[in-house]
Amino acid sequence: MSARRSSKRFSPSFWTEKLVPAALILLVLILLATLVITGMALAGLTPGA
């Protein structure tokens, strides 16, 4: 397999290299929390209105 080519039009900055993975991890954690809360609500473990 050849070496990884870098784009000639786009070169990521320091902030882009650090913020994109952090944002993806944050979104995954929010998704997991939403699924857990939804599962708890379906199981009747959360207080109803």
C-alpha atoms as a PDB file:
ATOM      1  CA  MET A   1       0.000   0.000   0.000  1.00  0.00           C
ATOM      2  CA  SER A   2       1.321   3.419  -0.897  1.00  0.00           C
ATOM      3  CA  ALA A   3       2.074   6.164   1.576  1.00  0.00           C
ATOM      4  CA  ARG A   4      -0.820   8.311   2.681  1.00  0.00           C
ATOM      5  CA  ARG A   5      -1.347  11.254   0.339  1.00  0.00           C
ATOM      6  CA  SER A   6      -2.111  14.627   1.806  1.00  0.00           C
ATOM      7  CA  SER A   7      -4.455  17.003   0.085  1.00  0.00           C
ATOM      8  CA  LYS A   8      -2.898  19.888  -1.776  1.00  0.00           C
ATOM      9  CA  ARG A   9      -5.939  22.111  -1.229  1.00  0.00           C
ATOM     10  CA  PHE A  10      -6.545  21.481   2.460  1.00  0.00           C
ATOM     11  CA  SER A  11      -4.016  21.324   5.246  1.00  0.00           C
ATOM     12  CA  PRO A  12      -5.613  20.940   8.664  1.00  0.00           C
ATOM     13  CA  SER A  13      -4.657  23.434  11.338  1.00  0.00           C
ATOM     14  CA  PHE A  14      -3.771  22.492  14.887  1.00  0.00           C
ATOM     15  CA  TRP A  15      -7.270  23.423  16.079  1.00  0.00           C
ATOM     16  CA  THR A  16      -8.951  21.357  13.372  1.00  0.00           C
ATOM     17  CA  GLU A  17      -6.884  18.294  14.232  1.00  0.00           C
ATOM     18  CA  LYS A  18      -7.816  18.580  17.911  1.00  0.00           C
ATOM     19  CA  LEU A  19     -11.399  19.873  17.819  1.00  0.00           C
ATOM     20  CA  VAL A  20     -12.894  17.487  15.256  1.00  0.00           C
ATOM     21  CA  PRO A  21     -12.128  14.286  17.228  1.00  0.00           C
ATOM     22  CA  ALA A  22     -13.199  15.988  20.469  1.00  0.00           C
ATOM     23  CA  ALA A  23     -16.477  17.088  18.891  1.00  0.00           C
ATOM     24  CA  LEU A  24     -17.126  13.578  17.568  1.00  0.00           C
ATOM     25  CA  ILE A  25     -16.484  12.043  20.990  1.00  0.00           C
ATOM     26  CA  LEU A  26     -18.811  14.616  22.578  1.00  0.00           C
ATOM     27  CA  LEU A  27     -21.563  13.824  20.069  1.00  0.00           C
ATOM     28  CA  VAL A  28     -21.213  10.083  20.714  1.00  0.00           C
ATOM     29  CA  LEU A  29     -21.465  10.653  24.468  1.00  0.00           C
ATOM     30  CA  ILE A  30     -24.584  12.784  24.000  1.00  0.00           C
ATOM     31  CA  LEU A  31     -26.102  10.066  21.813  1.00  0.00           C
ATOM     32  CA  LEU A  32     -25.355   7.387  24.408  1.00  0.00           C
ATOM     33  CA  ALA A  33     -26.846   9.520  27.200  1.00  0.00           C
ATOM     34  CA  THR A  34     -29.974  10.070  25.113  1.00  0.00           C
ATOM     35  CA  LEU A  35     -30.330   6.345  24.482  1.00  0.00           C
ATOM     36  CA  VAL A  36     -29.846   5.533  28.171  1.00  0.00           C
ATOM     37  CA  ILE A  37     -32.430   8.093  29.279  1.00  0.00           C
ATOM     38  CA  THR A  38     -34.869   6.870  26.625  1.00  0.00           C
ATOM     39  CA  GLY A  39     -34.368   3.273  27.750  1.00  0.00           C
ATOM     40  CA  MET A  40     -34.924   4.258  31.362  1.00  0.00           C
ATOM     41  CA  ALA A  41     -38.118   6.086  30.415  1.00  0.00           C
ATOM     42  CA  LEU A  42     -39.395   3.071  28.489  1.00  0.00           C
ATOM     43  CA  ALA A  43     -38.650   0.850  31.473  1.00  0.00           C
ATOM     44  CA  GLY A  44     -40.507   3.214  33.782  1.00  0.00           C
ATOM     45  CA  LEU A  45     -37.467   4.230  35.808  1.00  0.00           C
ATOM     46  CA  THR A  46     -37.863   7.994  35.340  1.00  0.00           C
ATOM     47  CA  PRO A  47     -40.464  10.096  37.150  1.00  0.00           C
ATOM     48  CA  GLY A  48     -43.494  10.902  35.020  1.00  0.00           C
ATOM     49  CA  ALA A  49     -45.098  14.298  34.671  1.00  0.00           C
END
